[in-house]
Amino acid sequence: MDRVVAPIGPSVGRIEHALVARGLPAGAARMTVGHPGERTAAEIEKLVADLAD
């Protein structure tokens, strides 16, 4: 759990990014959402790929 929570945390933008990286529809947020930076996005994508194996 710690492995997932650390890069994603409570950020709606990061959660949406993880959903999209997993191939799931993230939908549109009802509030302004800050999307993750390149480095964080890459970490989330790697985490999602690792967990999919």
PDB file of N, CA and C in Angstrom:
ATOM      1  N   MET A   1       0.817  -1.179   0.000  1.00  0.00           N
ATOM      2  CA  MET A   1       0.000   0.000   0.000  1.00  0.00           C
ATOM      3  C   MET A   1       0.869   1.253   0.000  1.00  0.00           C
ATOM      4  N   ASP A   2       1.923   1.240   0.818  1.00  0.00           N
ATOM      5  CA  ASP A   2       2.818   2.400   0.869  1.00  0.00           C
ATOM      6  C   ASP A   2       3.422   2.685  -0.495  1.00  0.00           C
ATOM      7  N   ARG A   3       3.698   1.624  -1.242  1.00  0.00           N
ATOM      8  CA  ARG A   3       4.294   1.774  -2.580  1.00  0.00           C
ATOM      9  C   ARG A   3       3.352   2.530  -3.519  1.00  0.00           C
ATOM     10  N   VAL A   4       2.059   2.363  -3.332  1.00  0.00           N
ATOM     11  CA  VAL A   4       1.070   3.026  -4.181  1.00  0.00           C
ATOM     12  C   VAL A   4       0.777   4.436  -3.679  1.00  0.00           C
ATOM     13  N   VAL A   5       0.623   4.586  -2.386  1.00  0.00           N
ATOM     14  CA  VAL A   5       0.218   5.869  -1.820  1.00  0.00           C
ATOM     15  C   VAL A   5       1.314   6.927  -1.966  1.00  0.00           C
ATOM     16  N   ALA A   6       2.561   6.544  -1.844  1.00  0.00           N
ATOM     17  CA  ALA A   6       3.651   7.524  -1.901  1.00  0.00           C
ATOM     18  C   ALA A   6       3.643   8.372  -3.178  1.00  0.00           C
ATOM     19  N   PRO A   7       3.643   7.773  -4.382  1.00  0.00           N
ATOM     20  CA  PRO A   7       3.661   8.620  -5.575  1.00  0.00           C
ATOM     21  C   PRO A   7       2.301   9.220  -5.944  1.00  0.00           C
ATOM     22  N   ILE A   8       1.212   8.573  -5.532  1.00  0.00           N
ATOM     23  CA  ILE A   8      -0.113   9.056  -5.927  1.00  0.00           C
ATOM     24  C   ILE A   8      -0.693   9.997  -4.883  1.00  0.00           C
ATOM     25  N   GLY A   9      -0.647   9.595  -3.621  1.00  0.00           N
ATOM     26  CA  GLY A   9      -1.135  10.438  -2.536  1.00  0.00           C
ATOM     27  C   GLY A   9      -2.602  10.815  -2.703  1.00  0.00           C
ATOM     28  N   PRO A  10      -3.006  11.914  -2.069  1.00  0.00           N
ATOM     29  CA  PRO A  10      -4.411  12.319  -2.121  1.00  0.00           C
ATOM     30  C   PRO A  10      -4.758  13.223  -3.308  1.00  0.00           C
ATOM     31  N   SER A  11      -3.916  13.254  -4.310  1.00  0.00           N
ATOM     32  CA  SER A  11      -4.110  14.144  -5.452  1.00  0.00           C
ATOM     33  C   SER A  11      -5.059  13.534  -6.482  1.00  0.00           C
ATOM     34  N   VAL A  12      -6.163  14.216  -6.748  1.00  0.00           N
ATOM     35  CA  VAL A  12      -7.128  13.745  -7.745  1.00  0.00           C
ATOM     36  C   VAL A  12      -6.462  13.638  -9.118  1.00  0.00           C
ATOM     37  N   GLY A  13      -5.627  14.603  -9.458  1.00  0.00           N
ATOM     38  CA  GLY A  13      -4.939  14.574 -10.752  1.00  0.00           C
ATOM     39  C   GLY A  13      -4.047  13.359 -10.897  1.00  0.00           C
ATOM     40  N   ARG A  14      -3.359  12.982  -9.828  1.00  0.00           N
ATOM     41  CA  ARG A  14      -2.476  11.809  -9.870  1.00  0.00           C
ATOM     42  C   ARG A  14      -3.290  10.520  -9.924  1.00  0.00           C
ATOM     43  N   ILE A  15      -4.394  10.490  -9.200  1.00  0.00           N
ATOM     44  CA  ILE A  15      -5.266   9.313  -9.241  1.00  0.00           C
ATOM     45  C   ILE A  15      -5.826   9.132 -10.651  1.00  0.00           C
ATOM     46  N   GLU A  16      -6.285  10.219 -11.258  1.00  0.00           N
ATOM     47  CA  GLU A  16      -6.787  10.143 -12.636  1.00  0.00           C
ATOM     48  C   GLU A  16      -5.701   9.662 -13.583  1.00  0.00           C
ATOM     49  N   HIS A  17      -4.475  10.145 -13.397  1.00  0.00           N
ATOM     50  CA  HIS A  17      -3.363   9.733 -14.262  1.00  0.00           C
ATOM     51  C   HIS A  17      -3.134   8.228 -14.122  1.00  0.00           C
ATOM     52  N   ALA A  18      -3.183   7.714 -12.896  1.00  0.00           N
ATOM     53  CA  ALA A  18      -2.992   6.287 -12.674  1.00  0.00           C
ATOM     54  C   ALA A  18      -4.102   5.480 -13.348  1.00  0.00           C
ATOM     55  N   LEU A  19      -5.330   5.960 -13.288  1.00  0.00           N
ATOM     56  CA  LEU A  19      -6.444   5.272 -13.938  1.00  0.00           C
ATOM     57  C   LEU A  19      -6.244   5.214 -15.453  1.00  0.00           C
ATOM     58  N   VAL A  20      -5.858   6.338 -16.034  1.00  0.00           N
ATOM     59  CA  VAL A  20      -5.623   6.389 -17.481  1.00  0.00           C
ATOM     60  C   VAL A  20      -4.459   5.479 -17.857  1.00  0.00           C
ATOM     61  N   ALA A  21      -3.384   5.488 -17.051  1.00  0.00           N
ATOM     62  CA  ALA A  21      -2.227   4.631 -17.325  1.00  0.00           C
ATOM     63  C   ALA A  21      -2.623   3.156 -17.272  1.00  0.00           C
ATOM     64  N   ARG A  22      -3.633   2.837 -16.482  1.00  0.00           N
ATOM     65  CA  ARG A  22      -4.128   1.458 -16.355  1.00  0.00           C
ATOM     66  C   ARG A  22      -5.107   1.114 -17.468  1.00  0.00           C
ATOM     67  N   GLY A  23      -5.487   2.127 -18.262  1.00  0.00           N
ATOM     68  CA  GLY A  23      -6.410   1.891 -19.365  1.00  0.00           C
ATOM     69  C   GLY A  23      -7.866   2.053 -18.972  1.00  0.00           C
ATOM     70  N   LEU A  24      -8.109   2.699 -17.845  1.00  0.00           N
ATOM     71  CA  LEU A  24      -9.469   2.909 -17.364  1.00  0.00           C
ATOM     72  C   LEU A  24      -9.897   4.353 -17.622  1.00  0.00           C
ATOM     73  N   PRO A  25     -11.174   4.572 -17.865  1.00  0.00           N
ATOM     74  CA  PRO A  25     -11.627   5.945 -18.083  1.00  0.00           C
ATOM     75  C   PRO A  25     -11.594   6.729 -16.765  1.00  0.00           C
ATOM     76  N   ALA A  26     -10.958   7.868 -16.785  1.00  0.00           N
ATOM     77  CA  ALA A  26     -10.844   8.671 -15.570  1.00  0.00           C
ATOM     78  C   ALA A  26     -11.980   9.674 -15.465  1.00  0.00           C
ATOM     79  N   GLY A  27     -12.594  10.010 -16.589  1.00  0.00           N
ATOM     80  CA  GLY A  27     -13.669  11.002 -16.555  1.00  0.00           C
ATOM     81  C   GLY A  27     -13.125  12.393 -16.303  1.00  0.00           C
ATOM     82  N   ALA A  28     -14.029  13.318 -16.147  1.00  0.00           N
ATOM     83  CA  ALA A  28     -13.642  14.704 -15.905  1.00  0.00           C
ATOM     84  C   ALA A  28     -13.858  15.041 -14.436  1.00  0.00           C
ATOM     85  N   ALA A  29     -12.925  15.748 -13.868  1.00  0.00           N
ATOM     86  CA  ALA A  29     -13.051  16.175 -12.476  1.00  0.00           C
ATOM     87  C   ALA A  29     -14.047  17.319 -12.374  1.00  0.00           C
ATOM     88  N   ARG A  30     -14.733  17.398 -11.258  1.00  0.00           N
ATOM     89  CA  ARG A  30     -15.689  18.481 -11.050  1.00  0.00           C
ATOM     90  C   ARG A  30     -15.013  19.715 -10.467  1.00  0.00           C
ATOM     91  N   MET A  31     -13.738  19.634 -10.210  1.00  0.00           N
ATOM     92  CA  MET A  31     -12.993  20.772  -9.685  1.00  0.00           C
ATOM     93  C   MET A  31     -11.706  20.935 -10.489  1.00  0.00           C
ATOM     94  N   THR A  32     -11.074  22.060 -10.328  1.00  0.00           N
ATOM     95  CA  THR A  32      -9.795  22.271 -10.989  1.00  0.00           C
ATOM     96  C   THR A  32      -8.791  21.294 -10.397  1.00  0.00           C
ATOM     97  N   VAL A  33      -8.130  20.556 -11.265  1.00  0.00           N
ATOM     98  CA  VAL A  33      -7.216  19.513 -10.819  1.00  0.00           C
ATOM     99  C   VAL A  33      -5.821  19.794 -11.361  1.00  0.00           C
ATOM    100  N   GLY A  34      -4.849  19.733 -10.474  1.00  0.00           N
ATOM    101  CA  GLY A  34      -3.461  19.864 -10.900  1.00  0.00           C
ATOM    102  C   GLY A  34      -2.946  18.503 -11.350  1.00  0.00           C
ATOM    103  N   HIS A  35      -2.491  18.426 -12.569  1.00  0.00           N
ATOM    104  CA  HIS A  35      -1.969  17.161 -13.086  1.00  0.00           C
ATOM    105  C   HIS A  35      -0.526  16.976 -12.632  1.00  0.00           C
ATOM    106  N   PRO A  36      -0.074  15.729 -12.522  1.00  0.00           N
ATOM    107  CA  PRO A  36       1.299  15.492 -12.061  1.00  0.00           C
ATOM    108  C   PRO A  36       2.323  15.993 -13.068  1.00  0.00           C
ATOM    109  N   GLY A  37       3.478  16.365 -12.547  1.00  0.00           N
ATOM    110  CA  GLY A  37       4.593  16.759 -13.407  1.00  0.00           C
ATOM    111  C   GLY A  37       5.138  15.535 -14.141  1.00  0.00           C
ATOM    112  N   GLU A  38       6.058  15.775 -15.054  1.00  0.00           N
ATOM    113  CA  GLU A  38       6.599  14.680 -15.877  1.00  0.00           C
ATOM    114  C   GLU A  38       7.213  13.566 -15.044  1.00  0.00           C
ATOM    115  N   ARG A  39       8.012  13.941 -14.058  1.00  0.00           N
ATOM    116  CA  ARG A  39       8.700  12.947 -13.233  1.00  0.00           C
ATOM    117  C   ARG A  39       7.699  12.103 -12.445  1.00  0.00           C
ATOM    118  N   THR A  40       6.742  12.759 -11.811  1.00  0.00           N
ATOM    119  CA  THR A  40       5.737  12.046 -11.033  1.00  0.00           C
ATOM    120  C   THR A  40       4.869  11.185 -11.937  1.00  0.00           C
ATOM    121  N   ALA A  41       4.502  11.709 -13.103  1.00  0.00           N
ATOM    122  CA  ALA A  41       3.700  10.936 -14.058  1.00  0.00           C
ATOM    123  C   ALA A  41       4.443   9.669 -14.467  1.00  0.00           C
ATOM    124  N   ALA A  42       5.739   9.783 -14.715  1.00  0.00           N
ATOM    125  CA  ALA A  42       6.539   8.613 -15.094  1.00  0.00           C
ATOM    126  C   ALA A  42       6.591   7.602 -13.951  1.00  0.00           C
ATOM    127  N   GLU A  43       6.714   8.074 -12.713  1.00  0.00           N
ATOM    128  CA  GLU A  43       6.725   7.181 -11.552  1.00  0.00           C
ATOM    129  C   GLU A  43       5.393   6.438 -11.432  1.00  0.00           C
ATOM    130  N   ILE A  44       4.296   7.157 -11.631  1.00  0.00           N
ATOM    131  CA  ILE A  44       2.968   6.544 -11.549  1.00  0.00           C
ATOM    132  C   ILE A  44       2.802   5.506 -12.647  1.00  0.00           C
ATOM    133  N   GLU A  45       3.214   5.829 -13.866  1.00  0.00           N
ATOM    134  CA  GLU A  45       3.099   4.898 -14.987  1.00  0.00           C
ATOM    135  C   GLU A  45       3.916   3.639 -14.737  1.00  0.00           C
ATOM    136  N   LYS A  46       5.121   3.780 -14.180  1.00  0.00           N
ATOM    137  CA  LYS A  46       5.951   2.620 -13.876  1.00  0.00           C
ATOM    138  C   LYS A  46       5.289   1.780 -12.791  1.00  0.00           C
ATOM    139  N   LEU A  47       4.764   2.419 -11.778  1.00  0.00           N
ATOM    140  CA  LEU A  47       4.089   1.705 -10.704  1.00  0.00           C
ATOM    141  C   LEU A  47       2.892   0.919 -11.233  1.00  0.00           C
ATOM    142  N   VAL A  48       2.085   1.549 -12.074  1.00  0.00           N
ATOM    143  CA  VAL A  48       0.919   0.882 -12.644  1.00  0.00           C
ATOM    144  C   VAL A  48       1.362  -0.318 -13.490  1.00  0.00           C
ATOM    145  N   ALA A  49       2.405  -0.140 -14.281  1.00  0.00           N
ATOM    146  CA  ALA A  49       2.909  -1.240 -15.117  1.00  0.00           C
ATOM    147  C   ALA A  49       3.433  -2.378 -14.253  1.00  0.00           C
ATOM    148  N   ASP A  50       4.165  -2.052 -13.190  1.00  0.00           N
ATOM    149  CA  ASP A  50       4.699  -3.076 -12.294  1.00  0.00           C
ATOM    150  C   ASP A  50       3.594  -3.868 -11.615  1.00  0.00           C
ATOM    151  N   LEU A  51       2.533  -3.177 -11.203  1.00  0.00           N
ATOM    152  CA  LEU A  51       1.430  -3.836 -10.505  1.00  0.00           C
ATOM    153  C   LEU A  51       0.570  -4.664 -11.449  1.00  0.00           C
ATOM    154  N   ALA A  52       0.609  -4.348 -12.744  1.00  0.00           N
ATOM    155  CA  ALA A  52      -0.191  -5.085 -13.728  1.00  0.00           C
ATOM    156  C   ALA A  52       0.419  -6.447 -14.038  1.00  0.00           C
ATOM    157  N   ASP A  53       1.698  -6.613 -13.758  1.00  0.00           N
ATOM    158  CA  ASP A  53       2.376  -7.890 -14.060  1.00  0.00           C
ATOM    159  C   ASP A  53       1.960  -8.970 -13.102  1.00  0.00           C
TER     160      ASP A  53
END
